C-alpha atoms as a PDB file:
ATOM      1  CA  UNK A   1    -193.499-105.953 160.629  1.00  0.00           C
ATOM      2  CA  UNK A   2    -194.406-104.011 163.706  1.00  0.00           C
ATOM      3  CA  UNK A   3    -197.773-104.669 165.345  1.00  0.00           C
ATOM      4  CA  UNK A   4    -199.916-101.610 164.465  1.00  0.00           C
ATOM      5  CA  UNK A   5    -201.649-101.927 167.851  1.00  0.00           C
ATOM      6  CA  UNK A   6    -198.333-101.718 169.728  1.00  0.00           C
ATOM      7  CA  UNK A   7    -197.756 -98.917 172.240  1.00  0.00           C
ATOM      8  CA  UNK A   8    -194.438 -97.122 172.396  1.00  0.00           C
ATOM      9  CA  UNK A   9    -192.405 -96.563 175.571  1.00  0.00           C
ATOM     10  CA  UNK A  10    -189.215 -94.571 175.965  1.00  0.00           C
ATOM     11  CA  UNK A  11    -186.150 -96.588 176.878  1.00  0.00           C
ATOM     12  CA  UNK A  12    -185.700 -94.868 180.246  1.00  0.00           C
ATOM     13  CA  UNK A  13    -189.216 -95.885 181.350  1.00  0.00           C
ATOM     14  CA  UNK A  14    -188.610 -99.503 180.350  1.00  0.00           C
ATOM     15  CA  UNK A  15    -185.255 -99.587 182.144  1.00  0.00           C
ATOM     16  CA  UNK A  16    -186.927 -98.296 185.285  1.00  0.00           C
ATOM     17  CA  UNK A  17    -189.690-100.867 185.044  1.00  0.00           C
ATOM     18  CA  UNK A  18    -187.338-103.804 184.450  1.00  0.00           C
ATOM     19  CA  UNK A  19    -185.039-102.753 187.294  1.00  0.00           C
ATOM     20  CA  UNK A  20    -187.963-102.322 189.647  1.00  0.00           C
ATOM     21  CA  UNK A  21    -189.290-105.810 188.845  1.00  0.00           C
ATOM     22  CA  UNK A  22    -185.869-107.384 189.338  1.00  0.00           C
ATOM     23  CA  UNK A  23    -185.300-105.532 192.613  1.00  0.00           C
ATOM     24  CA  UNK A  24    -188.750-106.723 193.794  1.00  0.00           C
ATOM     25  CA  UNK A  25    -187.712-110.349 193.406  1.00  0.00           C
ATOM     26  CA  UNK A  26    -184.449-109.788 195.297  1.00  0.00           C
ATOM     27  CA  UNK A  27    -181.820-108.769 192.773  1.00  0.00           C
ATOM     28  CA  UNK A  28    -179.360-106.209 194.223  1.00  0.00           C
ATOM     29  CA  UNK A  29    -180.021-102.672 192.994  1.00  0.00           C
ATOM     30  CA  UNK A  30    -176.787-102.255 191.113  1.00  0.00           C
ATOM     31  CA  UNK A  31    -177.174-105.594 189.333  1.00  0.00           C
ATOM     32  CA  UNK A  32    -180.799-104.913 188.470  1.00  0.00           C
ATOM     33  CA  UNK A  33    -179.747-101.612 186.862  1.00  0.00           C
ATOM     34  CA  UNK A  34    -177.115-103.328 184.729  1.00  0.00           C
ATOM     35  CA  UNK A  35    -179.474-106.124 183.603  1.00  0.00           C
ATOM     36  CA  UNK A  36    -182.214-103.606 182.818  1.00  0.00           C
ATOM     37  CA  UNK A  37    -179.812-101.542 180.703  1.00  0.00           C
ATOM     38  CA  UNK A  38    -178.759-104.565 178.634  1.00  0.00           C
ATOM     39  CA  UNK A  39    -182.264-105.963 178.242  1.00  0.00           C
ATOM     40  CA  UNK A  40    -183.667-102.668 177.011  1.00  0.00           C
ATOM     41  CA  UNK A  41    -180.621-102.225 174.733  1.00  0.00           C
ATOM     42  CA  UNK A  42    -181.711-105.514 173.085  1.00  0.00           C
ATOM     43  CA  UNK A  43    -185.134-104.003 172.408  1.00  0.00           C
ATOM     44  CA  UNK A  44    -183.616-100.780 171.097  1.00  0.00           C
ATOM     45  CA  UNK A  45    -181.738-102.817 168.491  1.00  0.00           C
ATOM     46  CA  UNK A  46    -184.900-104.664 167.460  1.00  0.00           C
ATOM     47  CA  UNK A  47    -184.043-107.996 169.147  1.00  0.00           C
ATOM     48  CA  UNK A  48    -187.577-108.181 170.533  1.00  0.00           C
ATOM     49  CA  UNK A  49    -187.421-111.879 171.370  1.00  0.00           C
ATOM     50  CA  UNK A  50    -184.423-111.301 173.696  1.00  0.00           C
ATOM     51  CA  UNK A  51    -185.282-108.095 175.555  1.00  0.00           C
ATOM     52  CA  UNK A  52    -188.126-107.190 177.859  1.00  0.00           C
ATOM     53  CA  UNK A  53    -190.109-110.073 176.328  1.00  0.00           C
ATOM     54  CA  UNK A  54    -187.969-112.383 178.502  1.00  0.00           C
ATOM     55  CA  UNK A  55    -188.655-110.630 181.790  1.00  0.00           C
ATOM     56  CA  UNK A  56    -191.543-112.862 182.940  1.00  0.00           C
ATOM     57  CA  UNK A  57    -189.417-115.955 182.196  1.00  0.00           C
ATOM     58  CA  UNK A  58    -186.417-114.585 184.092  1.00  0.00           C
ATOM     59  CA  UNK A  59    -188.633-113.741 187.074  1.00  0.00           C
ATOM     60  CA  UNK A  60    -190.044-117.317 187.077  1.00  0.00           C
ATOM     61  CA  UNK A  61    -186.535-118.774 187.148  1.00  0.00           C
ATOM     62  CA  UNK A  62    -185.419-116.374 189.919  1.00  0.00           C
ATOM     63  CA  UNK A  63    -188.482-117.176 192.041  1.00  0.00           C
ATOM     64  CA  UNK A  64    -188.035-120.909 191.489  1.00  0.00           C
ATOM     65  CA  UNK A  65    -184.399-120.736 192.578  1.00  0.00           C
ATOM     66  CA  UNK A  66    -182.989-121.363 189.133  1.00  0.00           C
ATOM     67  CA  UNK A  67    -180.743-118.264 189.136  1.00  0.00           C
ATOM     68  CA  UNK A  68    -178.314-117.221 191.852  1.00  0.00           C
ATOM     69  CA  UNK A  69    -178.951-113.570 192.775  1.00  0.00           C
ATOM     70  CA  UNK A  70    -175.728-113.215 194.697  1.00  0.00           C
ATOM     71  CA  UNK A  71    -173.157-114.927 192.446  1.00  0.00           C
ATOM     72  CA  UNK A  72    -169.391-114.885 192.896  1.00  0.00           C
ATOM     73  CA  UNK A  73    -168.538-114.324 189.252  1.00  0.00           C
ATOM     74  CA  UNK A  74    -164.812-115.054 189.032  1.00  0.00           C
ATOM     75  CA  UNK A  75    -161.901-116.141 186.833  1.00  0.00           C
ATOM     76  CA  UNK A  76    -161.434-119.900 187.181  1.00  0.00           C
ATOM     77  CA  UNK A  77    -158.483-120.207 184.816  1.00  0.00           C
ATOM     78  CA  UNK A  78    -156.409-117.682 182.870  1.00  0.00           C
ATOM     79  CA  UNK A  79    -153.353-117.034 180.731  1.00  0.00           C
ATOM     80  CA  UNK A  80    -152.225-113.893 178.948  1.00  0.00           C
ATOM     81  CA  UNK A  81    -154.679-114.137 176.079  1.00  0.00           C
ATOM     82  CA  UNK A  82    -157.488-116.122 177.657  1.00  0.00           C
ATOM     83  CA  UNK A  83    -159.644-116.663 180.664  1.00  0.00           C
ATOM     84  CA  UNK A  84    -162.372-119.042 181.782  1.00  0.00           C
ATOM     85  CA  UNK A  85    -165.106-117.394 183.835  1.00  0.00           C
ATOM     86  CA  UNK A  86    -167.234-119.273 186.419  1.00  0.00           C
ATOM     87  CA  UNK A  87    -170.571-117.453 186.396  1.00  0.00           C
ATOM     88  CA  UNK A  88    -171.748-119.210 189.587  1.00  0.00           C
ATOM     89  CA  UNK A  89    -175.203-119.495 188.056  1.00  0.00           C
ATOM     90  CA  UNK A  90    -175.632-115.735 188.053  1.00  0.00           C
ATOM     91  CA  UNK A  91    -177.864-113.776 185.735  1.00  0.00           C
ATOM     92  CA  UNK A  92    -176.429-114.285 182.277  1.00  0.00           C
ATOM     93  CA  UNK A  93    -176.214-110.581 181.441  1.00  0.00           C
ATOM     94  CA  UNK A  94    -173.976-109.965 184.488  1.00  0.00           C
ATOM     95  CA  UNK A  95    -171.769-112.914 183.685  1.00  0.00           C
ATOM     96  CA  UNK A  96    -171.286-112.041 180.030  1.00  0.00           C
ATOM     97  CA  UNK A  97    -170.721-108.371 180.747  1.00  0.00           C
ATOM     98  CA  UNK A  98    -167.935-109.428 183.091  1.00  0.00           C
ATOM     99  CA  UNK A  99    -166.503-111.732 180.461  1.00  0.00           C
ATOM    100  CA  UNK A 100    -166.552-109.028 177.766  1.00  0.00           C
ATOM    101  CA  UNK A 101    -164.808-106.524 180.057  1.00  0.00           C
ATOM    102  CA  UNK A 102    -162.090-109.062 180.845  1.00  0.00           C
ATOM    103  CA  UNK A 103    -161.623-109.893 177.167  1.00  0.00           C
ATOM    104  CA  UNK A 104    -161.248-106.214 176.291  1.00  0.00           C
ATOM    105  CA  UNK A 105    -158.758-105.597 179.115  1.00  0.00           C
ATOM    106  CA  UNK A 106    -156.676-108.591 178.097  1.00  0.00           C
ATOM    107  CA  UNK A 107    -156.741-107.727 174.379  1.00  0.00           C
ATOM    108  CA  UNK A 108    -155.241-104.334 175.152  1.00  0.00           C
ATOM    109  CA  UNK A 109    -152.073-106.138 176.135  1.00  0.00           C
ATOM    110  CA  UNK A 110    -152.115-109.371 174.139  1.00  0.00           C
ATOM    111  CA  UNK A 111    -153.775-108.089 170.976  1.00  0.00           C
ATOM    112  CA  UNK A 112    -156.377-110.912 170.980  1.00  0.00           C
ATOM    113  CA  UNK A 113    -158.158-112.394 173.992  1.00  0.00           C
ATOM    114  CA  UNK A 114    -160.625-115.287 174.209  1.00  0.00           C
ATOM    115  CA  UNK A 115    -162.795-115.507 177.326  1.00  0.00           C
ATOM    116  CA  UNK A 116    -165.075-118.486 177.857  1.00  0.00           C
ATOM    117  CA  UNK A 117    -167.884-118.945 180.376  1.00  0.00           C
ATOM    118  CA  UNK A 118    -169.415-121.811 182.250  1.00  0.00           C
ATOM    119  CA  UNK A 119    -172.198-121.842 184.776  1.00  0.00           C
ATOM    120  CA  UNK A 120    -173.812-118.877 183.011  1.00  0.00           C
ATOM    121  CA  UNK A 121    -177.417-118.294 181.954  1.00  0.00           C
ATOM    122  CA  UNK A 122    -179.389-116.857 179.053  1.00  0.00           C
ATOM    123  CA  UNK A 123    -177.930-113.391 178.395  1.00  0.00           C
ATOM    124  CA  UNK A 124    -180.050-111.879 175.632  1.00  0.00           C
ATOM    125  CA  UNK A 125    -178.971-111.373 171.972  1.00  0.00           C
ATOM    126  CA  UNK A 126    -175.456-112.278 170.905  1.00  0.00           C
ATOM    127  CA  UNK A 127    -174.809-108.802 169.465  1.00  0.00           C
ATOM    128  CA  UNK A 128    -175.031-107.195 172.934  1.00  0.00           C
ATOM    129  CA  UNK A 129    -171.607-108.627 173.759  1.00  0.00           C
ATOM    130  CA  UNK A 130    -169.995-108.654 170.347  1.00  0.00           C
ATOM    131  CA  UNK A 131    -170.596-104.909 170.208  1.00  0.00           C
ATOM    132  CA  UNK A 132    -168.928-104.157 173.527  1.00  0.00           C
ATOM    133  CA  UNK A 133    -165.313-104.216 172.142  1.00  0.00           C
ATOM    134  CA  UNK A 134    -166.294-101.648 169.433  1.00  0.00           C
ATOM    135  CA  UNK A 135    -165.829 -98.711 171.844  1.00  0.00           C
ATOM    136  CA  UNK A 136    -162.256 -99.790 172.351  1.00  0.00           C
ATOM    137  CA  UNK A 137    -161.320-100.022 168.630  1.00  0.00           C
ATOM    138  CA  UNK A 138    -161.694-103.773 168.741  1.00  0.00           C
ATOM    139  CA  UNK A 139    -163.553-106.395 166.796  1.00  0.00           C
ATOM    140  CA  UNK A 140    -165.888-108.513 168.914  1.00  0.00           C
ATOM    141  CA  UNK A 141    -166.895-112.131 168.318  1.00  0.00           C
ATOM    142  CA  UNK A 142    -169.365-114.116 170.391  1.00  0.00           C
ATOM    143  CA  UNK A 143    -170.637-117.687 170.308  1.00  0.00           C
ATOM    144  CA  UNK A 144    -172.962-119.472 172.672  1.00  0.00           C
ATOM    145  CA  UNK A 145    -174.916-122.642 173.348  1.00  0.00           C
ATOM    146  CA  UNK A 146    -178.595-121.859 173.242  1.00  0.00           C
ATOM    147  CA  UNK A 147    -180.784-122.547 176.286  1.00  0.00           C
ATOM    148  CA  UNK A 148    -182.916-125.278 174.742  1.00  0.00           C
ATOM    149  CA  UNK A 149    -182.387-127.887 172.029  1.00  0.00           C
ATOM    150  CA  UNK A 150    -184.493-127.270 168.951  1.00  0.00           C
ATOM    151  CA  UNK A 151    -182.286-128.797 166.298  1.00  0.00           C
ATOM    152  CA  UNK A 152    -181.564-132.459 165.470  1.00  0.00           C
ATOM    153  CA  UNK A 153    -178.397-133.651 163.760  1.00  0.00           C
ATOM    154  CA  UNK A 154    -178.829-133.438 159.959  1.00  0.00           C
ATOM    155  CA  UNK A 155    -181.235-136.142 158.871  1.00  0.00           C
ATOM    156  CA  UNK A 156    -182.315-137.020 162.453  1.00  0.00           C
ATOM    157  CA  UNK A 157    -185.330-136.182 164.596  1.00  0.00           C
ATOM    158  CA  UNK A 158    -183.800-136.199 168.114  1.00  0.00           C
ATOM    159  CA  UNK A 159    -183.267-132.591 169.179  1.00  0.00           C
ATOM    160  CA  UNK A 160    -179.672-132.735 170.432  1.00  0.00           C
ATOM    161  CA  UNK A 161    -178.438-129.256 169.463  1.00  0.00           C
ATOM    162  CA  UNK A 162    -179.553-125.733 170.065  1.00  0.00           C
ATOM    163  CA  UNK A 163    -179.781-122.621 167.887  1.00  0.00           C
ATOM    164  CA  UNK A 164    -176.170-121.842 168.932  1.00  0.00           C
ATOM    165  CA  UNK A 165    -175.698-118.250 167.748  1.00  0.00           C
ATOM    166  CA  UNK A 166    -172.726-116.248 166.543  1.00  0.00           C
ATOM    167  CA  UNK A 167    -172.254-112.511 166.471  1.00  0.00           C
ATOM    168  CA  UNK A 168    -169.352-110.525 164.988  1.00  0.00           C
ATOM    169  CA  UNK A 169    -169.013-106.747 165.271  1.00  0.00           C
ATOM    170  CA  UNK A 170    -166.521-104.850 163.140  1.00  0.00           C
ATOM    171  CA  UNK A 171    -165.983-101.075 163.606  1.00  0.00           C
ATOM    172  CA  UNK A 172    -166.045 -98.641 160.754  1.00  0.00           C
ATOM    173  CA  UNK A 173    -165.077 -94.955 160.521  1.00  0.00           C
ATOM    174  CA  UNK A 174    -168.080 -92.935 159.285  1.00  0.00           C
ATOM    175  CA  UNK A 175    -170.407 -95.854 158.593  1.00  0.00           C
ATOM    176  CA  UNK A 176    -172.266 -97.834 161.284  1.00  0.00           C
ATOM    177  CA  UNK A 177    -170.298-100.905 162.462  1.00  0.00           C
ATOM    178  CA  UNK A 178    -170.846-104.120 160.579  1.00  0.00           C
ATOM    179  CA  UNK A 179    -172.661-106.380 163.064  1.00  0.00           C
ATOM    180  CA  UNK A 180    -173.630-109.894 162.136  1.00  0.00           C
ATOM    181  CA  UNK A 181    -175.934-111.548 164.690  1.00  0.00           C
ATOM    182  CA  UNK A 182    -177.462-114.870 163.700  1.00  0.00           C
ATOM    183  CA  UNK A 183    -178.557-118.247 164.926  1.00  0.00           C
ATOM    184  CA  UNK A 184    -177.293-121.333 163.229  1.00  0.00           C
ATOM    185  CA  UNK A 185    -180.965-122.096 162.536  1.00  0.00           C
ATOM    186  CA  UNK A 186    -183.127-120.254 159.957  1.00  0.00           C
ATOM    187  CA  UNK A 187    -184.859-118.498 162.877  1.00  0.00           C
ATOM    188  CA  UNK A 188    -184.006-118.140 166.531  1.00  0.00           C
ATOM    189  CA  UNK A 189    -186.558-119.808 168.833  1.00  0.00           C
ATOM    190  CA  UNK A 190    -187.220-116.420 170.438  1.00  0.00           C
ATOM    191  CA  UNK A 191    -188.764-115.358 167.153  1.00  0.00           C
ATOM    192  CA  UNK A 192    -191.005-118.416 167.223  1.00  0.00           C
ATOM    193  CA  UNK A 193    -192.105-117.508 170.776  1.00  0.00           C
ATOM    194  CA  UNK A 194    -192.938-113.951 169.802  1.00  0.00           C
ATOM    195  CA  UNK A 195    -194.970-115.226 166.838  1.00  0.00           C
ATOM    196  CA  UNK A 196    -196.816-117.652 169.177  1.00  0.00           C
ATOM    197  CA  UNK A 197    -197.557-114.856 171.661  1.00  0.00           C
ATOM    198  CA  UNK A 198    -199.094-112.739 168.891  1.00  0.00           C
ATOM    199  CA  UNK A 199    -201.015-115.618 167.385  1.00  0.00           C
ATOM    200  CA  UNK A 200    -199.148-115.254 164.082  1.00  0.00           C
ATOM    201  CA  UNK A 201    -198.211-118.104 161.741  1.00  0.00           C
ATOM    202  CA  UNK A 202    -194.607-119.102 161.156  1.00  0.00           C
ATOM    203  CA  UNK A 203    -193.108-118.482 157.709  1.00  0.00           C
ATOM    204  CA  UNK A 204    -192.668-121.739 155.821  1.00  0.00           C
ATOM    205  CA  UNK A 205    -189.076-122.846 156.088  1.00  0.00           C
ATOM    206  CA  UNK A 206    -188.565-122.022 159.753  1.00  0.00           C
ATOM    207  CA  UNK A 207    -189.713-125.368 161.204  1.00  0.00           C
ATOM    208  CA  UNK A 208    -190.734-128.856 160.159  1.00  0.00           C
ATOM    209  CA  UNK A 209    -192.606-131.599 162.039  1.00  0.00           C
ATOM    210  CA  UNK A 210    -191.216-135.046 162.747  1.00  0.00           C
ATOM    211  CA  UNK A 211    -192.518-136.317 159.436  1.00  0.00           C
ATOM    212  CA  UNK A 212    -190.508-133.638 157.613  1.00  0.00           C
ATOM    213  CA  UNK A 213    -193.542-131.559 156.657  1.00  0.00           C
ATOM    214  CA  UNK A 214    -193.591-127.755 157.012  1.00  0.00           C
ATOM    215  CA  UNK A 215    -194.870-126.533 160.390  1.00  0.00           C
ATOM    216  CA  UNK A 216    -196.383-123.040 160.268  1.00  0.00           C
ATOM    217  CA  UNK A 217    -198.792-123.104 163.220  1.00  0.00           C
ATOM    218  CA  UNK A 218    -196.831-121.262 165.927  1.00  0.00           C
ATOM    219  CA  UNK A 219    -199.002-122.813 168.700  1.00  0.00           C
ATOM    220  CA  UNK A 220    -197.697-126.233 167.657  1.00  0.00           C
ATOM    221  CA  UNK A 221    -194.027-125.324 167.726  1.00  0.00           C
ATOM    222  CA  UNK A 222    -193.326-128.027 170.352  1.00  0.00           C
ATOM    223  CA  UNK A 223    -194.369-130.667 167.812  1.00  0.00           C
ATOM    224  CA  UNK A 224    -191.484-129.926 165.471  1.00  0.00           C
ATOM    225  CA  UNK A 225    -187.972-128.531 165.245  1.00  0.00           C
ATOM    226  CA  UNK A 226    -186.079-125.642 163.709  1.00  0.00           C
ATOM    227  CA  UNK A 227    -184.319-125.998 160.390  1.00  0.00           C
ATOM    228  CA  UNK A 228    -180.598-125.179 160.148  1.00  0.00           C
ATOM    229  CA  UNK A 229    -179.379-122.448 157.832  1.00  0.00           C
ATOM    230  CA  UNK A 230    -177.899-123.880 154.631  1.00  0.00           C
ATOM    231  CA  UNK A 231    -179.011-127.432 155.337  1.00  0.00           C
ATOM    232  CA  UNK A 232    -176.241-129.672 156.600  1.00  0.00           C
ATOM    233  CA  UNK A 233    -173.870-126.677 156.747  1.00  0.00           C
ATOM    234  CA  UNK A 234    -175.980-124.977 159.427  1.00  0.00           C
ATOM    235  CA  UNK A 235    -176.054-128.247 161.397  1.00  0.00           C
ATOM    236  CA  UNK A 236    -172.211-128.272 161.212  1.00  0.00           C
ATOM    237  CA  UNK A 237    -172.039-124.689 162.432  1.00  0.00           C
ATOM    238  CA  UNK A 238    -174.335-125.414 165.402  1.00  0.00           C
ATOM    239  CA  UNK A 239    -172.180-128.421 166.312  1.00  0.00           C
ATOM    240  CA  UNK A 240    -168.938-126.507 166.135  1.00  0.00           C
ATOM    241  CA  UNK A 241    -170.231-123.418 167.968  1.00  0.00           C
ATOM    242  CA  UNK A 242    -171.479-125.752 170.707  1.00  0.00           C
ATOM    243  CA  UNK A 243    -168.061-127.327 171.025  1.00  0.00           C
ATOM    244  CA  UNK A 244    -166.373-123.907 171.281  1.00  0.00           C
ATOM    245  CA  UNK A 245    -168.859-122.270 173.638  1.00  0.00           C
ATOM    246  CA  UNK A 246    -169.979-125.306 175.625  1.00  0.00           C
ATOM    247  CA  UNK A 247    -167.645-128.269 175.635  1.00  0.00           C
ATOM    248  CA  UNK A 248    -164.399-126.258 175.642  1.00  0.00           C
ATOM    249  CA  UNK A 249    -165.611-124.299 178.657  1.00  0.00           C
ATOM    250  CA  UNK A 250    -166.897-127.245 180.650  1.00  0.00           C
ATOM    251  CA  UNK A 251    -170.460-126.063 180.050  1.00  0.00           C
ATOM    252  CA  UNK A 252    -173.570-127.887 178.938  1.00  0.00           C
ATOM    253  CA  UNK A 253    -173.849-129.005 175.292  1.00  0.00           C
ATOM    254  CA  UNK A 254    -175.863-131.505 173.352  1.00  0.00           C
ATOM    255  CA  UNK A 255    -178.086-133.749 175.550  1.00  0.00           C
ATOM    256  CA  UNK A 256    -176.875-131.987 178.694  1.00  0.00           C
ATOM    257  CA  UNK A 257    -178.509-128.758 177.655  1.00  0.00           C
ATOM    258  CA  UNK A 258    -181.327-127.710 180.016  1.00  0.00           C
ATOM    259  CA  UNK A 259    -184.523-126.458 178.357  1.00  0.00           C
ATOM    260  CA  UNK A 260    -185.022-123.229 180.287  1.00  0.00           C
ATOM    261  CA  UNK A 261    -188.443-122.773 178.675  1.00  0.00           C
ATOM    262  CA  UNK A 262    -189.729-125.811 180.594  1.00  0.00           C
ATOM    263  CA  UNK A 263    -187.453-126.092 183.619  1.00  0.00           C
ATOM    264  CA  UNK A 264    -187.186-123.062 185.941  1.00  0.00           C
ATOM    265  CA  UNK A 265    -185.252-124.776 188.707  1.00  0.00           C
ATOM    266  CA  UNK A 266    -182.248-126.608 187.285  1.00  0.00           C
ATOM    267  CA  UNK A 267    -179.104-124.493 186.674  1.00  0.00           C
ATOM    268  CA  UNK A 268    -178.508-124.338 182.951  1.00  0.00           C
ATOM    269  CA  UNK A 269    -174.668-124.146 183.002  1.00  0.00           C
ATOM    270  CA  UNK A 270    -174.892-122.122 179.828  1.00  0.00           C
ATOM    271  CA  UNK A 271    -171.639-121.889 177.848  1.00  0.00           C
ATOM    272  CA  UNK A 272    -170.556-118.750 176.017  1.00  0.00           C
ATOM    273  CA  UNK A 273    -167.398-117.231 174.635  1.00  0.00           C
ATOM    274  CA  UNK A 274    -166.334-113.707 173.726  1.00  0.00           C
ATOM    275  CA  UNK A 275    -163.285-112.805 171.677  1.00  0.00           C
ATOM    276  CA  UNK A 276    -161.819-109.266 171.522  1.00  0.00           C
ATOM    277  CA  UNK A 277    -159.400-108.404 168.688  1.00  0.00           C
ATOM    278  CA  UNK A 278    -157.448-105.176 168.962  1.00  0.00           C
ATOM    279  CA  UNK A 279    -157.192-103.261 165.669  1.00  0.00           C
ATOM    280  CA  UNK A 280    -154.072-101.500 166.890  1.00  0.00           C
ATOM    281  CA  UNK A 281    -152.260-104.847 167.278  1.00  0.00           C
ATOM    282  CA  UNK A 282    -152.718-105.439 163.535  1.00  0.00           C
ATOM    283  CA  UNK A 283    -151.910-101.987 162.196  1.00  0.00           C
ATOM    284  CA  UNK A 284    -153.255 -98.457 161.782  1.00  0.00           C
ATOM    285  CA  UNK A 285    -156.731 -98.223 163.345  1.00  0.00           C
ATOM    286  CA  UNK A 286    -158.062 -95.370 161.206  1.00  0.00           C
ATOM    287  CA  UNK A 287    -156.769 -96.978 158.006  1.00  0.00           C
ATOM    288  CA  UNK A 288    -158.627-100.205 158.862  1.00  0.00           C
ATOM    289  CA  UNK A 289    -161.831 -98.351 159.567  1.00  0.00           C
ATOM    290  CA  UNK A 290    -161.467 -96.321 156.362  1.00  0.00           C
ATOM    291  CA  UNK A 291    -161.056 -99.548 154.452  1.00  0.00           C
ATOM    292  CA  UNK A 292    -164.208-100.933 156.053  1.00  0.00           C
ATOM    293  CA  UNK A 293    -166.110 -97.795 155.033  1.00  0.00           C
ATOM    294  CA  UNK A 294    -164.831 -98.174 151.471  1.00  0.00           C
ATOM    295  CA  UNK A 295    -165.956-101.795 151.246  1.00  0.00           C
ATOM    296  CA  UNK A 296    -169.365-100.897 152.666  1.00  0.00           C
ATOM    297  CA  UNK A 297    -169.721 -98.215 150.020  1.00  0.00           C
ATOM    298  CA  UNK A 298    -168.818-100.632 147.190  1.00  0.00           C
ATOM    299  CA  UNK A 299    -171.324-103.244 148.411  1.00  0.00           C
ATOM    300  CA  UNK A 300    -174.103-100.787 149.037  1.00  0.00           C
ATOM    301  CA  UNK A 301    -173.699 -99.090 145.668  1.00  0.00           C
ATOM    302  CA  UNK A 302    -173.247-102.287 143.619  1.00  0.00           C
ATOM    303  CA  UNK A 303    -175.792-103.185 140.946  1.00  0.00           C
ATOM    304  CA  UNK A 304    -179.100-104.596 142.207  1.00  0.00           C
ATOM    305  CA  UNK A 305    -181.705-107.007 140.948  1.00  0.00           C
ATOM    306  CA  UNK A 306    -184.812-105.322 139.428  1.00  0.00           C
ATOM    307  CA  UNK A 307    -187.043-105.466 142.491  1.00  0.00           C
ATOM    308  CA  UNK A 308    -184.373-104.642 145.085  1.00  0.00           C
ATOM    309  CA  UNK A 309    -184.523-101.074 146.519  1.00  0.00           C
ATOM    310  CA  UNK A 310    -181.411-101.259 148.656  1.00  0.00           C
ATOM    311  CA  UNK A 311    -178.502-103.487 149.534  1.00  0.00           C
ATOM    312  CA  UNK A 312    -178.150-103.732 153.308  1.00  0.00           C
ATOM    313  CA  UNK A 313    -175.110-104.535 155.380  1.00  0.00           C
ATOM    314  CA  UNK A 314    -175.333-106.738 158.471  1.00  0.00           C
ATOM    315  CA  UNK A 315    -176.425-104.603 161.428  1.00  0.00           C
ATOM    316  CA  UNK A 316    -177.679-101.636 159.400  1.00  0.00           C
ATOM    317  CA  UNK A 317    -181.344-102.271 159.966  1.00  0.00           C
ATOM    318  CA  UNK A 318    -180.735-102.808 163.677  1.00  0.00           C
ATOM    319  CA  UNK A 319    -178.784 -99.540 163.785  1.00  0.00           C
ATOM    320  CA  UNK A 320    -181.668 -97.737 162.094  1.00  0.00           C
ATOM    321  CA  UNK A 321    -184.158 -99.226 164.541  1.00  0.00           C
ATOM    322  CA  UNK A 322    -182.001 -98.083 167.452  1.00  0.00           C
ATOM    323  CA  UNK A 323    -182.015 -94.502 166.177  1.00  0.00           C
ATOM    324  CA  UNK A 324    -185.776 -94.604 165.535  1.00  0.00           C
ATOM    325  CA  UNK A 325    -186.685 -96.263 168.843  1.00  0.00           C
ATOM    326  CA  UNK A 326    -184.538 -93.829 170.837  1.00  0.00           C
ATOM    327  CA  UNK A 327    -186.458 -91.016 169.143  1.00  0.00           C
ATOM    328  CA  UNK A 328    -189.962 -92.489 168.962  1.00  0.00           C
ATOM    329  CA  UNK A 329    -190.043 -95.091 171.693  1.00  0.00           C
ATOM    330  CA  UNK A 330    -189.873 -98.904 171.761  1.00  0.00           C
ATOM    331  CA  UNK A 331    -193.024-100.661 170.553  1.00  0.00           C
ATOM    332  CA  UNK A 332    -194.657-103.245 172.814  1.00  0.00           C
ATOM    333  CA  UNK A 333    -197.494-105.349 171.463  1.00  0.00           C
ATOM    334  CA  UNK A 334    -200.758-105.656 173.468  1.00  0.00           C
ATOM    335  CA  UNK A 335    -200.169-109.279 174.569  1.00  0.00           C
ATOM    336  CA  UNK A 336    -196.665-108.584 175.826  1.00  0.00           C
ATOM    337  CA  UNK A 337    -197.874-105.432 177.560  1.00  0.00           C
ATOM    338  CA  UNK A 338    -200.621-107.380 179.228  1.00  0.00           C
ATOM    339  CA  UNK A 339    -198.135-110.003 180.505  1.00  0.00           C
ATOM    340  CA  UNK A 340    -195.774-107.348 181.831  1.00  0.00           C
ATOM    341  CA  UNK A 341    -198.564-105.514 183.691  1.00  0.00           C
ATOM    342  CA  UNK A 342    -199.847-108.814 184.995  1.00  0.00           C
ATOM    343  CA  UNK A 343    -196.335-109.555 186.320  1.00  0.00           C
ATOM    344  CA  UNK A 344    -196.214-106.168 188.019  1.00  0.00           C
ATOM    345  CA  UNK A 345    -199.590-106.862 189.627  1.00  0.00           C
ATOM    346  CA  UNK A 346    -198.453-110.263 190.881  1.00  0.00           C
ATOM    347  CA  UNK A 347    -195.405-108.654 192.486  1.00  0.00           C
ATOM    348  CA  UNK A 348    -197.329-105.738 193.906  1.00  0.00           C
ATOM    349  CA  UNK A 349    -195.393-103.106 192.038  1.00  0.00           C
ATOM    350  CA  UNK A 350    -196.217-100.323 189.555  1.00  0.00           C
ATOM    351  CA  UNK A 351    -197.485-101.137 186.089  1.00  0.00           C
ATOM    352  CA  UNK A 352    -195.954 -99.796 182.894  1.00  0.00           C
ATOM    353  CA  UNK A 353    -198.934 -97.472 182.454  1.00  0.00           C
END
């Protein structure tokens, strides 16, 4: 539910503000523009815990030396259908954008391309990168190691795994693409942070304390841990995604993961992976998209339970928000707005309003 006291800002104004802040702390102009575009795109899609909300935290890390503002993002290893990218501790958005572009280029020749990343950083919501292959008639798949451990092994209390997300984007013909973007925990920790910033309670089932009791006070989130989706199955997914995005790429995983909420100086060596799958390599592109449309229609029009108004497909609500926010502006709550303007004041640059 949107905060009724939120103010709305058009995407162009937010992009200008974010870029200006990043340039003020030393990021090259071209890079700042790219990062601003991706951050605001996250907000347009409703991923409010991964967009402009993160700007003060990114600035803290930059000013503390935790992010390299002049990275040499490069291919460390490659074969026809794969590559391993060394992000050189650059801004995560720049690193993952590079990885996605390489995956798309390779998939045009090999049909499928897997590109892994090490020495990256937090890069916003998973769907940002899974969606990039869509414009090239490709399916995108993204997995990552989260930037802080909030999940113990099933039955334990030591937080050794992160929220380790997955996103899959599948193109359709007339329908919006099917875009699944989810953490392997019931809620991403970014959602916990936005609840805490607003002083809102956590829904029961998101977190428990170390005695196994529900934790709903968002100000006490550090006293507990997130619950995995589907019980032990979610724990298994978090483990496997960490192995694919972290261990396989020579990136941090498990106890090596740096909590970037508490440590602004240490490089996180964030591991991520993007897979691009060319539809053309598997058959007729339009026929595939038409079949996706048909399945969407069957699911949406299937019989519903008595109190259900509509059956949604993954990504539909985000798509609807993007259309609405592009038309009406992106809502920013009063506490977030206060923090952003305070950041601008500290840096001696122009406020949002």
